[in-house]
Each structure stands twice: as structure tokens, then as C-alpha cells.
Amino acid sequence: MTTRGKTSSRFISCFRGESGYTLFEILLALGIVAILLGTTVPLIMTSWQPSAAEEISQNIEKSVQAAHKKAVETGEARRLRILESGLTADSGLPSASLPKGWKLQVRRFTETRYRKPQRDEYWNFNGAGICDPLELRLVSKQESIDLKFDPLTALLVADEN
């Protein structure tokens, strides 16, 4: 017969040799991970949202691509009207208007500086889809972005801040 003291010490010594984590240690580690995720995930999600300039440049790119595609599909010339407030289109093409506080500037191939769009200035796409070589600048009080388009494909070549 064993005494009560010997049994409990034998029982404890049997489990002391095994390494493992207690439930408290596991819950503590999970709590720390939850706190870290709770603070970093919102920061990461806001950094993935596009800035206002990026959204505007995407809208302009969509309008340009639609005009190019329509000109190639129909074989007829298309054009976008260039205004300080954005690009407007005719014949069912999407327009790209700028939010309040933003202005559009233009630079043609032969020009050295960006300028305000002239009255009744257009961006032409011929029946083959080739467009006038043109660069656009989006300007606000806080930032500006330059958009350069490929005249053969009307794809955005570069956008620079």
C-alpha cells in the first residue's frame, strides 16, 4: 500500500518530464495575436485603397480606352472633348469628370509646357484607333499626377507624381 503523499508526488513527477503548454499559455498567445491583428489589419486595408488621383486617372483611362475601342470596332473616328473639368464624350462613350478642386491640364506633342485646355479642344481617335499624342496632368492643391498615353494603343504608358 502506498501512502497518499507518495502517490501525489509520483503523479506530479510523471508529468513534469513532458514538455507542453498549459491552456493559459495558449490563450495568452492567442490574445496577443488577436490584439496585433486588430491593430494592423485596419491600417493595411486603408493603405490599399486608391488615392483620389489614382481613382480619377483610372476613370480617364477607361474613357480613353472606350473611345479607342469604339474607333477600332466601327472604323470611324471618335473624339473626346477636353475640358478643365475632365473629358466628355459623345455617342455613348463614358465621360470622366473631375471632382471639385481638381483641374485638367493638357500638353500636345509639340508643346513644352502643360496648359489649360482651349475652347473646343478635342482628343481625336481615327478609324484605326490611333490617337493624337497627348499628355494630361491632373492638378489639385495637394497633389498632381501626369498621365502619358501611347498613341497607337491608347494605353496609359506612365503616371508620375
N, C-alpha and C. Protein backbone atom coordinates (compact mmCIF):
# COMPACT_ATOMS: atom_id res chain seq x y z
N MET A 1 0.81 -1.17 0.00
CA MET A 1 0.00 0.00 0.00
C MET A 1 0.86 1.25 0.00
N THR A 2 0.46 2.18 -0.77
CA THR A 2 1.22 3.43 -0.83
C THR A 2 0.52 4.48 0.00
N THR A 3 1.31 5.39 0.43
CA THR A 3 0.72 6.48 1.20
C THR A 3 0.25 7.55 0.24
N ARG A 4 -0.56 8.36 0.76
CA ARG A 4 -1.14 9.42 -0.06
C ARG A 4 -0.06 10.39 -0.57
N GLY A 5 0.92 10.73 0.20
CA GLY A 5 1.98 11.64 -0.21
C GLY A 5 2.82 11.08 -1.33
N LYS A 6 3.11 9.79 -1.30
CA LYS A 6 3.91 9.18 -2.35
C LYS A 6 3.16 9.15 -3.67
N THR A 7 1.87 8.94 -3.65
CA THR A 7 1.09 8.86 -4.88
C THR A 7 1.07 10.21 -5.59
N SER A 8 0.81 11.24 -4.85
CA SER A 8 0.73 12.54 -5.49
C SER A 8 2.08 12.99 -6.02
N SER A 9 3.16 12.74 -5.30
CA SER A 9 4.47 13.14 -5.80
C SER A 9 4.87 12.30 -7.01
N ARG A 10 4.50 11.03 -7.01
CA ARG A 10 4.78 10.17 -8.15
C ARG A 10 3.99 10.65 -9.37
N PHE A 11 2.74 11.04 -9.17
CA PHE A 11 1.87 11.52 -10.24
C PHE A 11 2.42 12.81 -10.85
N ILE A 12 2.86 13.73 -10.01
CA ILE A 12 3.40 15.01 -10.47
C ILE A 12 4.72 14.81 -11.18
N SER A 13 5.59 13.98 -10.65
CA SER A 13 6.89 13.77 -11.29
C SER A 13 6.75 13.09 -12.63
N CYS A 14 5.72 12.31 -12.80
CA CYS A 14 5.49 11.63 -14.08
C CYS A 14 5.20 12.65 -15.19
N PHE A 15 4.45 13.69 -14.88
CA PHE A 15 4.07 14.68 -15.89
C PHE A 15 5.06 15.82 -16.03
N ARG A 16 5.94 15.99 -15.09
CA ARG A 16 6.92 17.07 -15.19
C ARG A 16 7.94 16.81 -16.29
N GLY A 17 8.21 15.62 -16.61
CA GLY A 17 9.19 15.30 -17.64
C GLY A 17 8.70 15.65 -19.05
N GLU A 18 7.39 15.72 -19.26
CA GLU A 18 6.86 16.03 -20.58
C GLU A 18 6.83 17.55 -20.77
N SER A 19 7.21 17.98 -21.96
CA SER A 19 7.14 19.41 -22.22
C SER A 19 5.84 19.71 -22.97
N GLY A 20 5.24 20.82 -22.68
CA GLY A 20 3.99 21.20 -23.32
C GLY A 20 3.54 22.55 -22.78
N TYR A 21 2.48 23.06 -23.35
CA TYR A 21 1.97 24.36 -22.94
C TYR A 21 0.68 24.17 -22.17
N THR A 22 0.49 25.02 -21.23
CA THR A 22 -0.76 24.99 -20.48
C THR A 22 -1.83 25.75 -21.26
N LEU A 23 -3.05 25.53 -20.86
CA LEU A 23 -4.16 26.21 -21.52
C LEU A 23 -4.02 27.73 -21.37
N PHE A 24 -3.57 28.18 -20.23
CA PHE A 24 -3.38 29.61 -20.01
C PHE A 24 -2.36 30.20 -20.98
N GLU A 25 -1.26 29.50 -21.18
CA GLU A 25 -0.21 30.00 -22.10
C GLU A 25 -0.72 30.06 -23.53
N ILE A 26 -1.50 29.09 -23.94
CA ILE A 26 -2.05 29.08 -25.31
C ILE A 26 -3.04 30.24 -25.47
N LEU A 27 -3.91 30.44 -24.49
CA LEU A 27 -4.88 31.54 -24.56
C LEU A 27 -4.19 32.90 -24.54
N LEU A 28 -3.12 33.01 -23.77
CA LEU A 28 -2.36 34.27 -23.74
C LEU A 28 -1.74 34.57 -25.10
N ALA A 29 -1.15 33.57 -25.73
CA ALA A 29 -0.55 33.76 -27.06
C ALA A 29 -1.61 34.13 -28.08
N LEU A 30 -2.77 33.46 -28.05
CA LEU A 30 -3.86 33.80 -28.98
C LEU A 30 -4.37 35.21 -28.74
N GLY A 31 -4.44 35.64 -27.49
CA GLY A 31 -4.87 37.00 -27.18
C GLY A 31 -3.92 38.04 -27.75
N ILE A 32 -2.62 37.80 -27.64
CA ILE A 32 -1.62 38.73 -28.19
C ILE A 32 -1.73 38.80 -29.71
N VAL A 33 -1.90 37.66 -30.37
CA VAL A 33 -2.05 37.64 -31.83
C VAL A 33 -3.32 38.39 -32.24
N ALA A 34 -4.40 38.21 -31.49
CA ALA A 34 -5.66 38.90 -31.81
C ALA A 34 -5.50 40.41 -31.69
N ILE A 35 -4.79 40.86 -30.66
CA ILE A 35 -4.56 42.31 -30.49
C ILE A 35 -3.72 42.86 -31.63
N LEU A 36 -2.67 42.14 -32.01
CA LEU A 36 -1.82 42.60 -33.13
C LEU A 36 -2.60 42.66 -34.43
N LEU A 37 -3.40 41.64 -34.71
CA LEU A 37 -4.21 41.64 -35.93
C LEU A 37 -5.25 42.76 -35.90
N GLY A 38 -5.84 42.98 -34.74
CA GLY A 38 -6.86 44.02 -34.63
C GLY A 38 -6.32 45.42 -34.87
N THR A 39 -5.05 45.64 -34.58
CA THR A 39 -4.48 46.98 -34.81
C THR A 39 -3.87 47.13 -36.19
N THR A 40 -3.36 46.06 -36.77
CA THR A 40 -2.66 46.20 -38.07
C THR A 40 -3.57 46.03 -39.28
N VAL A 41 -4.58 45.19 -39.19
CA VAL A 41 -5.46 44.96 -40.35
C VAL A 41 -6.14 46.24 -40.82
N PRO A 42 -6.74 47.07 -39.95
CA PRO A 42 -7.33 48.32 -40.45
C PRO A 42 -6.31 49.24 -41.11
N LEU A 43 -5.09 49.28 -40.62
CA LEU A 43 -4.06 50.12 -41.24
C LEU A 43 -3.71 49.61 -42.63
N ILE A 44 -3.61 48.32 -42.78
CA ILE A 44 -3.29 47.74 -44.08
C ILE A 44 -4.42 47.97 -45.07
N MET A 45 -5.67 47.81 -44.62
CA MET A 45 -6.80 47.98 -45.52
C MET A 45 -6.91 49.41 -46.03
N THR A 46 -6.64 50.40 -45.19
CA THR A 46 -6.72 51.79 -45.66
C THR A 46 -5.58 52.12 -46.61
N SER A 47 -4.45 51.47 -46.47
CA SER A 47 -3.33 51.74 -47.38
C SER A 47 -3.58 51.13 -48.75
N TRP A 48 -4.45 50.13 -48.85
CA TRP A 48 -4.75 49.51 -50.14
C TRP A 48 -5.78 50.28 -50.93
N GLN A 49 -6.48 51.20 -50.32
CA GLN A 49 -7.48 51.97 -51.04
C GLN A 49 -6.78 52.99 -51.94
N PRO A 50 -7.22 53.11 -53.18
CA PRO A 50 -6.56 54.06 -54.08
C PRO A 50 -6.79 55.50 -53.65
N SER A 51 -5.82 56.34 -53.93
CA SER A 51 -5.97 57.76 -53.61
C SER A 51 -6.94 58.40 -54.61
N ALA A 52 -7.31 59.63 -54.33
CA ALA A 52 -8.24 60.33 -55.22
C ALA A 52 -7.65 60.48 -56.62
N ALA A 53 -6.36 60.79 -56.69
CA ALA A 53 -5.70 60.94 -58.00
C ALA A 53 -5.70 59.63 -58.78
N GLU A 54 -5.49 58.52 -58.08
CA GLU A 54 -5.49 57.23 -58.77
C GLU A 54 -6.88 56.88 -59.30
N GLU A 55 -7.91 57.18 -58.52
CA GLU A 55 -9.28 56.92 -58.98
C GLU A 55 -9.62 57.76 -60.20
N ILE A 56 -9.23 59.03 -60.17
CA ILE A 56 -9.50 59.92 -61.30
C ILE A 56 -8.75 59.44 -62.54
N SER A 57 -7.48 59.06 -62.37
CA SER A 57 -6.70 58.61 -63.52
C SER A 57 -7.28 57.31 -64.09
N GLN A 58 -7.83 56.44 -63.24
CA GLN A 58 -8.47 55.22 -63.73
C GLN A 58 -9.72 55.55 -64.54
N ASN A 59 -10.50 56.54 -64.09
CA ASN A 59 -11.69 56.95 -64.85
C ASN A 59 -11.31 57.53 -66.20
N ILE A 60 -10.27 58.34 -66.23
CA ILE A 60 -9.82 58.91 -67.51
C ILE A 60 -9.32 57.80 -68.43
N GLU A 61 -8.57 56.87 -67.87
CA GLU A 61 -8.07 55.75 -68.68
C GLU A 61 -9.22 54.93 -69.27
N LYS A 62 -10.29 54.72 -68.50
CA LYS A 62 -11.46 53.99 -69.01
C LYS A 62 -12.11 54.73 -70.17
N SER A 63 -12.23 56.05 -70.07
CA SER A 63 -12.81 56.84 -71.15
C SER A 63 -11.96 56.77 -72.41
N VAL A 64 -10.67 56.88 -72.24
CA VAL A 64 -9.75 56.83 -73.39
C VAL A 64 -9.81 55.46 -74.04
N GLN A 65 -9.79 54.41 -73.23
CA GLN A 65 -9.86 53.04 -73.76
C GLN A 65 -11.17 52.79 -74.50
N ALA A 66 -12.27 53.33 -73.97
CA ALA A 66 -13.57 53.15 -74.63
C ALA A 66 -13.61 53.86 -75.98
N ALA A 67 -13.04 55.07 -76.05
CA ALA A 67 -13.01 55.79 -77.33
C ALA A 67 -12.13 55.06 -78.33
N HIS A 68 -11.01 54.55 -77.89
CA HIS A 68 -10.11 53.79 -78.77
C HIS A 68 -10.80 52.53 -79.28
N LYS A 69 -11.44 51.79 -78.37
CA LYS A 69 -12.10 50.55 -78.75
C LYS A 69 -13.24 50.81 -79.74
N LYS A 70 -14.02 51.85 -79.48
CA LYS A 70 -15.14 52.18 -80.38
C LYS A 70 -14.64 52.57 -81.77
N ALA A 71 -13.54 53.32 -81.82
CA ALA A 71 -12.97 53.72 -83.12
C ALA A 71 -12.48 52.51 -83.89
N VAL A 72 -11.87 51.56 -83.22
CA VAL A 72 -11.37 50.36 -83.89
C VAL A 72 -12.53 49.48 -84.34
N GLU A 73 -13.53 49.31 -83.49
CA GLU A 73 -14.67 48.45 -83.82
C GLU A 73 -15.47 48.98 -85.01
N THR A 74 -15.73 50.28 -85.03
CA THR A 74 -16.58 50.84 -86.06
C THR A 74 -15.80 51.32 -87.28
N GLY A 75 -14.51 51.56 -87.11
CA GLY A 75 -13.71 52.10 -88.20
C GLY A 75 -13.96 53.58 -88.43
N GLU A 76 -14.68 54.21 -87.53
CA GLU A 76 -14.98 55.64 -87.62
C GLU A 76 -14.23 56.41 -86.55
N ALA A 77 -13.93 57.64 -86.85
CA ALA A 77 -13.20 58.48 -85.90
C ALA A 77 -14.09 58.80 -84.69
N ARG A 78 -13.47 58.83 -83.54
CA ARG A 78 -14.13 59.22 -82.30
C ARG A 78 -13.32 60.33 -81.66
N ARG A 79 -13.95 61.07 -80.78
CA ARG A 79 -13.20 62.12 -80.11
C ARG A 79 -13.75 62.36 -78.72
N LEU A 80 -12.84 62.81 -77.87
CA LEU A 80 -13.17 63.21 -76.51
C LEU A 80 -12.91 64.69 -76.38
N ARG A 81 -13.86 65.40 -75.83
CA ARG A 81 -13.69 66.83 -75.62
C ARG A 81 -12.90 67.04 -74.33
N ILE A 82 -11.87 67.86 -74.41
CA ILE A 82 -11.01 68.12 -73.27
C ILE A 82 -11.44 69.41 -72.61
N LEU A 83 -11.84 69.29 -71.36
CA LEU A 83 -12.25 70.45 -70.57
C LEU A 83 -11.40 70.50 -69.31
N GLU A 84 -11.38 71.64 -68.68
CA GLU A 84 -10.65 71.75 -67.42
C GLU A 84 -11.28 70.87 -66.33
N SER A 85 -12.54 70.56 -66.50
CA SER A 85 -13.27 69.73 -65.53
C SER A 85 -13.25 68.24 -65.89
N GLY A 86 -12.59 67.85 -66.97
CA GLY A 86 -12.49 66.44 -67.33
C GLY A 86 -12.65 66.21 -68.82
N LEU A 87 -12.93 64.96 -69.17
CA LEU A 87 -13.14 64.57 -70.57
C LEU A 87 -14.61 64.25 -70.77
N THR A 88 -15.21 64.80 -71.81
CA THR A 88 -16.58 64.46 -72.14
C THR A 88 -16.58 63.77 -73.49
N ALA A 89 -17.51 62.86 -73.63
CA ALA A 89 -17.56 62.06 -74.85
C ALA A 89 -18.94 62.16 -75.48
N ASP A 90 -18.96 61.89 -76.76
CA ASP A 90 -20.24 61.84 -77.46
C ASP A 90 -20.49 60.40 -77.91
N SER A 91 -21.63 60.16 -78.42
CA SER A 91 -22.05 58.87 -78.99
C SER A 91 -21.88 57.69 -78.04
N GLY A 92 -22.35 57.87 -76.81
CA GLY A 92 -22.42 56.75 -75.88
C GLY A 92 -21.12 56.35 -75.20
N LEU A 93 -20.09 57.11 -75.35
CA LEU A 93 -18.83 56.79 -74.68
C LEU A 93 -18.85 57.35 -73.26
N PRO A 94 -18.16 56.67 -72.34
CA PRO A 94 -18.15 57.19 -70.96
C PRO A 94 -17.32 58.45 -70.83
N SER A 95 -17.80 59.36 -70.01
CA SER A 95 -17.08 60.60 -69.73
C SER A 95 -16.31 60.45 -68.42
N ALA A 96 -15.33 61.30 -68.23
CA ALA A 96 -14.55 61.30 -66.99
C ALA A 96 -14.53 62.72 -66.45
N SER A 97 -15.35 62.97 -65.46
CA SER A 97 -15.37 64.31 -64.87
C SER A 97 -14.56 64.30 -63.58
N LEU A 98 -13.91 65.42 -63.33
CA LEU A 98 -13.06 65.55 -62.16
C LEU A 98 -13.86 66.04 -60.97
N PRO A 99 -13.52 65.59 -59.76
CA PRO A 99 -14.19 66.11 -58.58
C PRO A 99 -13.83 67.57 -58.33
N LYS A 100 -14.58 68.19 -57.45
CA LYS A 100 -14.34 69.59 -57.12
C LYS A 100 -12.93 69.76 -56.56
N GLY A 101 -12.25 70.80 -57.01
CA GLY A 101 -10.89 71.06 -56.55
C GLY A 101 -9.82 70.51 -57.48
N TRP A 102 -10.20 69.74 -58.47
CA TRP A 102 -9.25 69.18 -59.44
C TRP A 102 -9.40 69.88 -60.77
N LYS A 103 -8.28 70.03 -61.47
CA LYS A 103 -8.29 70.63 -62.81
C LYS A 103 -7.44 69.77 -63.74
N LEU A 104 -7.82 69.81 -64.99
CA LEU A 104 -7.12 69.04 -66.01
C LEU A 104 -6.29 69.99 -66.85
N GLN A 105 -5.04 69.64 -67.10
CA GLN A 105 -4.17 70.38 -67.99
C GLN A 105 -3.72 69.44 -69.10
N VAL A 106 -3.34 70.02 -70.22
CA VAL A 106 -3.00 69.22 -71.40
C VAL A 106 -1.67 69.68 -71.98
N ARG A 107 -0.97 68.73 -72.61
CA ARG A 107 0.26 69.07 -73.34
C ARG A 107 0.27 68.22 -74.60
N ARG A 108 0.25 68.90 -75.73
CA ARG A 108 0.34 68.23 -77.02
C ARG A 108 1.79 67.85 -77.31
N PHE A 109 2.00 67.06 -78.34
CA PHE A 109 3.33 66.54 -78.69
C PHE A 109 4.34 67.66 -78.95
N THR A 110 3.91 68.71 -79.58
CA THR A 110 4.83 69.79 -79.96
C THR A 110 5.02 70.84 -78.87
N GLU A 111 4.28 70.73 -77.78
CA GLU A 111 4.33 71.74 -76.73
C GLU A 111 5.33 71.34 -75.64
N THR A 112 5.87 72.36 -74.99
CA THR A 112 6.86 72.10 -73.95
C THR A 112 6.28 72.19 -72.54
N ARG A 113 5.14 72.84 -72.39
CA ARG A 113 4.54 73.03 -71.06
C ARG A 113 3.08 72.59 -71.06
N TYR A 114 2.62 72.23 -69.87
CA TYR A 114 1.19 71.95 -69.70
C TYR A 114 0.43 73.27 -69.68
N ARG A 115 -0.81 73.21 -70.16
CA ARG A 115 -1.63 74.41 -70.23
C ARG A 115 -3.09 74.04 -69.99
N LYS A 116 -3.91 75.06 -69.79
CA LYS A 116 -5.35 74.85 -69.70
C LYS A 116 -5.87 74.41 -71.06
N PRO A 117 -6.88 73.55 -71.10
CA PRO A 117 -7.47 73.20 -72.40
C PRO A 117 -8.10 74.43 -73.06
N GLN A 118 -7.94 74.51 -74.36
CA GLN A 118 -8.54 75.62 -75.11
C GLN A 118 -10.02 75.33 -75.34
N ARG A 119 -10.71 76.36 -75.73
CA ARG A 119 -12.13 76.20 -76.01
C ARG A 119 -12.30 75.26 -77.22
N ASP A 120 -13.21 74.33 -77.11
CA ASP A 120 -13.49 73.33 -78.15
C ASP A 120 -12.24 72.55 -78.55
N GLU A 121 -11.47 72.12 -77.58
CA GLU A 121 -10.30 71.27 -77.85
C GLU A 121 -10.71 69.81 -77.70
N TYR A 122 -10.29 68.99 -78.67
CA TYR A 122 -10.68 67.59 -78.69
C TYR A 122 -9.45 66.69 -78.75
N TRP A 123 -9.66 65.46 -78.29
CA TRP A 123 -8.66 64.40 -78.42
C TRP A 123 -9.23 63.43 -79.44
N ASN A 124 -8.60 63.35 -80.60
CA ASN A 124 -9.13 62.58 -81.72
C ASN A 124 -8.54 61.17 -81.78
N PHE A 125 -9.42 60.22 -82.13
CA PHE A 125 -9.04 58.82 -82.38
C PHE A 125 -9.52 58.49 -83.79
N ASN A 126 -8.59 58.17 -84.68
CA ASN A 126 -9.03 57.89 -86.05
C ASN A 126 -9.62 56.49 -86.16
N GLY A 127 -10.07 56.13 -87.36
CA GLY A 127 -10.73 54.85 -87.57
C GLY A 127 -9.88 53.64 -87.24
N ALA A 128 -8.57 53.79 -87.27
CA ALA A 128 -7.67 52.69 -86.90
C ALA A 128 -7.41 52.68 -85.40
N GLY A 129 -7.94 53.67 -84.69
CA GLY A 129 -7.77 53.72 -83.24
C GLY A 129 -6.56 54.53 -82.80
N ILE A 130 -5.80 55.05 -83.74
CA ILE A 130 -4.62 55.83 -83.38
C ILE A 130 -5.09 57.20 -82.88
N CYS A 131 -4.53 57.61 -81.75
CA CYS A 131 -4.95 58.88 -81.16
C CYS A 131 -3.84 59.92 -81.23
N ASP A 132 -4.22 61.16 -81.05
CA ASP A 132 -3.24 62.24 -81.00
C ASP A 132 -2.29 61.98 -79.84
N PRO A 133 -0.98 62.19 -80.04
CA PRO A 133 -0.07 62.08 -78.90
C PRO A 133 -0.36 63.21 -77.91
N LEU A 134 -0.68 62.83 -76.71
CA LEU A 134 -1.19 63.80 -75.75
C LEU A 134 -0.82 63.36 -74.35
N GLU A 135 -0.52 64.34 -73.50
CA GLU A 135 -0.27 64.08 -72.09
C GLU A 135 -1.23 64.93 -71.27
N LEU A 136 -1.73 64.35 -70.19
CA LEU A 136 -2.65 65.04 -69.32
C LEU A 136 -2.03 65.17 -67.93
N ARG A 137 -2.36 66.25 -67.26
CA ARG A 137 -1.94 66.44 -65.88
C ARG A 137 -3.18 66.75 -65.05
N LEU A 138 -3.34 66.01 -63.96
CA LEU A 138 -4.42 66.24 -63.02
C LEU A 138 -3.84 67.02 -61.85
N VAL A 139 -4.43 68.15 -61.54
CA VAL A 139 -3.86 69.04 -60.54
C VAL A 139 -4.90 69.37 -59.48
N SER A 140 -4.48 69.27 -58.21
CA SER A 140 -5.27 69.78 -57.10
C SER A 140 -4.33 70.58 -56.21
N LYS A 141 -4.84 71.11 -55.12
CA LYS A 141 -3.98 71.90 -54.23
C LYS A 141 -2.95 71.03 -53.54
N GLN A 142 -3.27 69.75 -53.29
CA GLN A 142 -2.38 68.88 -52.56
C GLN A 142 -1.42 68.07 -53.45
N GLU A 143 -1.87 67.67 -54.63
CA GLU A 143 -1.06 66.78 -55.45
C GLU A 143 -1.34 66.98 -56.93
N SER A 144 -0.47 66.38 -57.73
CA SER A 144 -0.69 66.36 -59.17
C SER A 144 -0.18 65.03 -59.71
N ILE A 145 -0.73 64.63 -60.84
CA ILE A 145 -0.31 63.38 -61.46
C ILE A 145 -0.30 63.58 -62.97
N ASP A 146 0.76 63.10 -63.63
CA ASP A 146 0.90 63.21 -65.07
C ASP A 146 0.53 61.88 -65.71
N LEU A 147 -0.29 61.94 -66.76
CA LEU A 147 -0.72 60.75 -67.48
C LEU A 147 -0.20 60.82 -68.90
N LYS A 148 0.56 59.80 -69.31
CA LYS A 148 1.09 59.73 -70.68
C LYS A 148 0.47 58.51 -71.34
N PHE A 149 -0.08 58.71 -72.54
CA PHE A 149 -0.76 57.65 -73.26
C PHE A 149 0.00 57.29 -74.52
N ASP A 150 -0.02 56.01 -74.86
CA ASP A 150 0.58 55.52 -76.10
C ASP A 150 -0.37 55.87 -77.25
N PRO A 151 0.10 56.58 -78.28
CA PRO A 151 -0.81 56.98 -79.37
C PRO A 151 -1.31 55.82 -80.23
N LEU A 152 -0.62 54.69 -80.24
CA LEU A 152 -1.06 53.55 -81.04
C LEU A 152 -2.11 52.70 -80.33
N THR A 153 -1.93 52.52 -79.04
CA THR A 153 -2.84 51.64 -78.30
C THR A 153 -3.76 52.39 -77.34
N ALA A 154 -3.48 53.64 -77.09
CA ALA A 154 -4.21 54.49 -76.13
C ALA A 154 -4.12 53.93 -74.72
N LEU A 155 -3.09 53.14 -74.46
CA LEU A 155 -2.87 52.63 -73.11
C LEU A 155 -2.07 53.64 -72.30
N LEU A 156 -2.30 53.64 -71.03
CA LEU A 156 -1.55 54.51 -70.13
C LEU A 156 -0.12 53.99 -70.05
N VAL A 157 0.81 54.78 -70.51
CA VAL A 157 2.22 54.39 -70.51
C VAL A 157 2.82 54.63 -69.14
N ALA A 158 2.56 55.80 -68.57
CA ALA A 158 3.14 56.14 -67.28
C ALA A 158 2.25 57.15 -66.58
N ASP A 159 2.19 56.98 -65.27
CA ASP A 159 1.58 58.03 -64.46
C ASP A 159 2.59 58.38 -63.38
N GLU A 160 2.97 59.63 -63.36
CA GLU A 160 4.03 60.09 -62.47
C GLU A 160 3.49 61.18 -61.57
N ASN A 161 3.96 61.16 -60.34
CA ASN A 161 3.58 62.21 -59.39
C ASN A 161 4.59 63.32 -59.41
